[in-house]
Amino acid sequence: MGWETRERGTSYYTRSRWVNGRVAREYIGTGYIGKIVALDDKLKRLQNEEEAARWREELECLKRSAAFLHALAEAAEVLTQARLLASGCHRH
């Protein structure tokens, strides 16, 4: 995506997108239309980046929670085995 300047000196805004495994350029426009669409595309990119950052942060939080739960489960297993041994039970 970006502004292109041709031989005549006119700048216009284009988008690139994948179509059937190839990159296709889409002509958007010049002047105010091009500027408005360029700003809109930039805003959408920034929103997508923010959302991706929030998802990464959420994933890290879930990983920390899973690690804590794993450690808690191990501690519960050790305490259960200790209690059973203390009360006279044992494994064959």
N, C-alpha and C. Protein backbone atom coordinates (compact mmCIF):
# COMPACT_ATOMS: atom_id res chain seq x y z
N MET A 1 0.85 -1.17 0.00
CA MET A 1 0.00 0.00 0.00
C MET A 1 0.89 1.23 0.00
N GLY A 2 0.48 2.20 -0.76
CA GLY A 2 1.25 3.41 -0.73
C GLY A 2 0.96 4.33 -1.88
N TRP A 3 1.66 5.39 -1.82
CA TRP A 3 1.52 6.40 -2.84
C TRP A 3 2.53 6.11 -3.94
N GLU A 4 2.10 6.24 -5.17
CA GLU A 4 2.98 6.07 -6.33
C GLU A 4 2.96 7.36 -7.14
N THR A 5 4.11 7.67 -7.69
CA THR A 5 4.20 8.83 -8.58
C THR A 5 4.61 8.32 -9.94
N ARG A 6 3.85 8.66 -10.93
CA ARG A 6 4.13 8.22 -12.30
C ARG A 6 4.91 9.29 -13.05
N GLU A 7 5.22 9.02 -14.31
CA GLU A 7 6.05 9.91 -15.12
C GLU A 7 5.48 11.32 -15.22
N ARG A 8 4.18 11.43 -15.24
CA ARG A 8 3.54 12.75 -15.36
C ARG A 8 3.65 13.55 -14.06
N GLY A 9 4.09 12.91 -12.98
CA GLY A 9 4.23 13.60 -11.71
C GLY A 9 3.00 13.51 -10.83
N THR A 10 1.98 12.79 -11.27
CA THR A 10 0.76 12.65 -10.48
C THR A 10 0.94 11.53 -9.46
N SER A 11 0.60 11.82 -8.21
CA SER A 11 0.66 10.81 -7.16
C SER A 11 -0.73 10.23 -6.94
N TYR A 12 -0.78 8.93 -6.79
CA TYR A 12 -2.05 8.29 -6.50
C TYR A 12 -1.84 7.15 -5.52
N TYR A 13 -2.89 6.82 -4.83
CA TYR A 13 -2.84 5.82 -3.78
C TYR A 13 -3.27 4.46 -4.33
N THR A 14 -2.51 3.41 -3.98
CA THR A 14 -2.84 2.06 -4.39
C THR A 14 -2.81 1.13 -3.18
N ARG A 15 -3.49 0.01 -3.32
CA ARG A 15 -3.44 -1.06 -2.32
C ARG A 15 -2.90 -2.30 -2.99
N SER A 16 -2.20 -3.12 -2.21
CA SER A 16 -1.76 -4.41 -2.72
C SER A 16 -2.51 -5.48 -1.96
N ARG A 17 -2.93 -6.51 -2.70
CA ARG A 17 -3.63 -7.63 -2.05
C ARG A 17 -3.34 -8.89 -2.83
N TRP A 18 -3.51 -10.04 -2.17
CA TRP A 18 -3.27 -11.32 -2.80
C TRP A 18 -4.53 -11.78 -3.53
N VAL A 19 -4.36 -12.17 -4.80
CA VAL A 19 -5.45 -12.71 -5.61
C VAL A 19 -4.89 -13.93 -6.33
N ASN A 20 -5.44 -15.10 -6.04
CA ASN A 20 -5.01 -16.34 -6.68
C ASN A 20 -3.50 -16.56 -6.59
N GLY A 21 -2.94 -16.29 -5.41
CA GLY A 21 -1.51 -16.53 -5.19
C GLY A 21 -0.59 -15.48 -5.75
N ARG A 22 -1.12 -14.39 -6.25
CA ARG A 22 -0.31 -13.31 -6.79
C ARG A 22 -0.71 -11.99 -6.17
N VAL A 23 0.22 -11.06 -6.17
CA VAL A 23 -0.08 -9.72 -5.65
C VAL A 23 -0.75 -8.90 -6.74
N ALA A 24 -1.90 -8.34 -6.40
CA ALA A 24 -2.61 -7.47 -7.35
C ALA A 24 -2.66 -6.06 -6.77
N ARG A 25 -2.38 -5.08 -7.59
CA ARG A 25 -2.43 -3.68 -7.16
C ARG A 25 -3.82 -3.14 -7.50
N GLU A 26 -4.37 -2.43 -6.53
CA GLU A 26 -5.70 -1.84 -6.72
C GLU A 26 -5.56 -0.32 -6.69
N TYR A 27 -5.96 0.33 -7.76
CA TYR A 27 -5.91 1.78 -7.85
C TYR A 27 -7.04 2.36 -7.01
N ILE A 28 -6.71 3.30 -6.13
CA ILE A 28 -7.72 3.92 -5.27
C ILE A 28 -8.06 5.33 -5.77
N GLY A 29 -7.07 6.19 -5.84
CA GLY A 29 -7.37 7.54 -6.31
C GLY A 29 -6.28 8.53 -5.98
N THR A 30 -6.51 9.76 -6.42
CA THR A 30 -5.57 10.85 -6.17
C THR A 30 -6.23 11.88 -5.28
N GLY A 31 -5.49 12.85 -4.90
CA GLY A 31 -6.04 13.98 -4.16
C GLY A 31 -6.65 13.60 -2.82
N TYR A 32 -7.79 14.25 -2.53
CA TYR A 32 -8.43 14.05 -1.23
C TYR A 32 -8.93 12.62 -1.04
N ILE A 33 -9.44 12.02 -2.08
CA ILE A 33 -9.94 10.65 -1.96
C ILE A 33 -8.80 9.71 -1.58
N GLY A 34 -7.68 9.85 -2.27
CA GLY A 34 -6.52 9.03 -1.95
C GLY A 34 -6.04 9.25 -0.53
N LYS A 35 -6.01 10.51 -0.10
CA LYS A 35 -5.56 10.83 1.25
C LYS A 35 -6.49 10.25 2.31
N ILE A 36 -7.79 10.37 2.07
CA ILE A 36 -8.77 9.84 3.04
C ILE A 36 -8.65 8.32 3.14
N VAL A 37 -8.57 7.65 2.01
CA VAL A 37 -8.47 6.18 2.02
C VAL A 37 -7.14 5.75 2.64
N ALA A 38 -6.07 6.49 2.36
CA ALA A 38 -4.77 6.16 2.95
C ALA A 38 -4.82 6.28 4.47
N LEU A 39 -5.45 7.34 4.97
CA LEU A 39 -5.58 7.51 6.41
C LEU A 39 -6.46 6.42 7.02
N ASP A 40 -7.53 6.05 6.31
CA ASP A 40 -8.41 4.98 6.78
C ASP A 40 -7.65 3.65 6.85
N ASP A 41 -6.86 3.35 5.82
CA ASP A 41 -6.07 2.13 5.82
C ASP A 41 -5.05 2.13 6.97
N LYS A 42 -4.44 3.28 7.20
CA LYS A 42 -3.47 3.38 8.29
C LYS A 42 -4.15 3.15 9.64
N LEU A 43 -5.34 3.72 9.81
CA LEU A 43 -6.09 3.53 11.05
C LEU A 43 -6.43 2.05 11.25
N LYS A 44 -6.86 1.39 10.19
CA LYS A 44 -7.19 -0.04 10.28
C LYS A 44 -5.97 -0.87 10.63
N ARG A 45 -4.81 -0.54 10.04
CA ARG A 45 -3.57 -1.25 10.37
C ARG A 45 -3.22 -1.08 11.84
N LEU A 46 -3.33 0.15 12.33
CA LEU A 46 -3.02 0.42 13.74
C LEU A 46 -3.98 -0.33 14.67
N GLN A 47 -5.26 -0.37 14.31
CA GLN A 47 -6.23 -1.10 15.12
C GLN A 47 -5.92 -2.59 15.12
N ASN A 48 -5.54 -3.15 13.97
CA ASN A 48 -5.18 -4.56 13.89
C ASN A 48 -3.94 -4.86 14.73
N GLU A 49 -2.96 -3.95 14.70
CA GLU A 49 -1.75 -4.14 15.51
C GLU A 49 -2.08 -4.10 17.00
N GLU A 50 -2.96 -3.17 17.40
CA GLU A 50 -3.36 -3.09 18.81
C GLU A 50 -4.08 -4.36 19.24
N GLU A 51 -4.97 -4.84 18.40
CA GLU A 51 -5.71 -6.07 18.73
C GLU A 51 -4.76 -7.25 18.84
N ALA A 52 -3.80 -7.34 17.94
CA ALA A 52 -2.82 -8.42 17.99
C ALA A 52 -2.00 -8.33 19.27
N ALA A 53 -1.64 -7.12 19.68
CA ALA A 53 -0.87 -6.94 20.92
C ALA A 53 -1.71 -7.36 22.12
N ARG A 54 -3.00 -7.03 22.11
CA ARG A 54 -3.88 -7.44 23.22
C ARG A 54 -3.99 -8.96 23.28
N TRP A 55 -4.10 -9.61 22.11
CA TRP A 55 -4.18 -11.07 22.10
C TRP A 55 -2.88 -11.70 22.59
N ARG A 56 -1.73 -11.13 22.21
CA ARG A 56 -0.45 -11.65 22.72
C ARG A 56 -0.37 -11.51 24.23
N GLU A 57 -0.82 -10.37 24.73
CA GLU A 57 -0.82 -10.14 26.18
C GLU A 57 -1.75 -11.13 26.89
N GLU A 58 -2.92 -11.38 26.32
CA GLU A 58 -3.87 -12.33 26.90
C GLU A 58 -3.28 -13.74 26.90
N LEU A 59 -2.60 -14.10 25.82
CA LEU A 59 -1.97 -15.41 25.72
C LEU A 59 -0.89 -15.58 26.79
N GLU A 60 -0.08 -14.55 27.00
CA GLU A 60 0.95 -14.62 28.04
C GLU A 60 0.32 -14.77 29.42
N CYS A 61 -0.77 -14.06 29.67
CA CYS A 61 -1.48 -14.17 30.94
C CYS A 61 -2.00 -15.60 31.14
N LEU A 62 -2.55 -16.18 30.10
CA LEU A 62 -3.05 -17.55 30.18
C LEU A 62 -1.92 -18.55 30.41
N LYS A 63 -0.78 -18.31 29.77
CA LYS A 63 0.37 -19.19 29.98
C LYS A 63 0.84 -19.13 31.43
N ARG A 64 0.89 -17.92 32.00
CA ARG A 64 1.28 -17.78 33.42
C ARG A 64 0.29 -18.48 34.32
N SER A 65 -1.00 -18.34 34.02
CA SER A 65 -2.04 -19.00 34.82
C SER A 65 -1.91 -20.52 34.71
N ALA A 66 -1.65 -21.02 33.52
CA ALA A 66 -1.50 -22.46 33.34
C ALA A 66 -0.29 -22.99 34.10
N ALA A 67 0.80 -22.24 34.10
CA ALA A 67 2.00 -22.64 34.84
C ALA A 67 1.70 -22.67 36.34
N PHE A 68 0.97 -21.67 36.83
CA PHE A 68 0.62 -21.65 38.24
C PHE A 68 -0.27 -22.83 38.59
N LEU A 69 -1.26 -23.13 37.75
CA LEU A 69 -2.15 -24.26 38.02
C LEU A 69 -1.40 -25.58 37.98
N HIS A 70 -0.43 -25.71 37.09
CA HIS A 70 0.38 -26.92 37.03
C HIS A 70 1.18 -27.08 38.33
N ALA A 71 1.80 -26.00 38.79
CA ALA A 71 2.55 -26.05 40.05
C ALA A 71 1.63 -26.35 41.22
N LEU A 72 0.44 -25.79 41.21
CA LEU A 72 -0.53 -26.04 42.28
C LEU A 72 -0.97 -27.51 42.28
N ALA A 73 -1.19 -28.07 41.10
CA ALA A 73 -1.57 -29.48 41.01
C ALA A 73 -0.46 -30.39 41.52
N GLU A 74 0.78 -30.06 41.20
CA GLU A 74 1.92 -30.86 41.72
C GLU A 74 1.99 -30.77 43.23
N ALA A 75 1.80 -29.57 43.78
CA ALA A 75 1.84 -29.40 45.24
C ALA A 75 0.71 -30.17 45.89
N ALA A 76 -0.47 -30.16 45.31
CA ALA A 76 -1.60 -30.91 45.86
C ALA A 76 -1.32 -32.40 45.84
N GLU A 77 -0.69 -32.89 44.78
CA GLU A 77 -0.33 -34.31 44.69
C GLU A 77 0.66 -34.69 45.79
N VAL A 78 1.67 -33.88 46.00
CA VAL A 78 2.67 -34.15 47.04
C VAL A 78 2.01 -34.14 48.42
N LEU A 79 1.18 -33.16 48.69
CA LEU A 79 0.51 -33.07 49.99
C LEU A 79 -0.43 -34.25 50.20
N THR A 80 -1.12 -34.68 49.16
CA THR A 80 -2.02 -35.83 49.27
C THR A 80 -1.23 -37.09 49.59
N GLN A 81 -0.12 -37.29 48.88
CA GLN A 81 0.70 -38.47 49.15
C GLN A 81 1.28 -38.42 50.56
N ALA A 82 1.70 -37.25 51.03
CA ALA A 82 2.25 -37.12 52.38
C ALA A 82 1.18 -37.43 53.42
N ARG A 83 -0.03 -36.96 53.20
CA ARG A 83 -1.12 -37.21 54.15
C ARG A 83 -1.46 -38.70 54.20
N LEU A 84 -1.50 -39.33 53.03
CA LEU A 84 -1.79 -40.76 53.00
C LEU A 84 -0.70 -41.57 53.69
N LEU A 85 0.58 -41.21 53.44
CA LEU A 85 1.66 -41.91 54.12
C LEU A 85 1.61 -41.70 55.62
N ALA A 86 1.29 -40.49 56.06
CA ALA A 86 1.23 -40.18 57.48
C ALA A 86 0.09 -40.95 58.18
N SER A 87 -0.96 -41.28 57.42
CA SER A 87 -2.07 -42.01 58.04
C SER A 87 -1.91 -43.52 57.90
N GLY A 88 -0.77 -43.97 57.35
CA GLY A 88 -0.52 -45.39 57.31
C GLY A 88 -0.78 -46.07 55.99
N CYS A 89 -1.25 -45.34 55.00
CA CYS A 89 -1.49 -45.94 53.68
C CYS A 89 -0.19 -45.96 52.90
N HIS A 90 -0.05 -46.95 52.06
CA HIS A 90 1.13 -47.00 51.19
C HIS A 90 0.78 -47.69 49.88
N ARG A 91 1.62 -47.47 48.89
CA ARG A 91 1.42 -48.08 47.57
C ARG A 91 2.18 -49.38 47.50
N HIS A 92 1.60 -50.33 46.84
CA HIS A 92 2.30 -51.61 46.63
C HIS A 92 3.09 -51.56 45.37
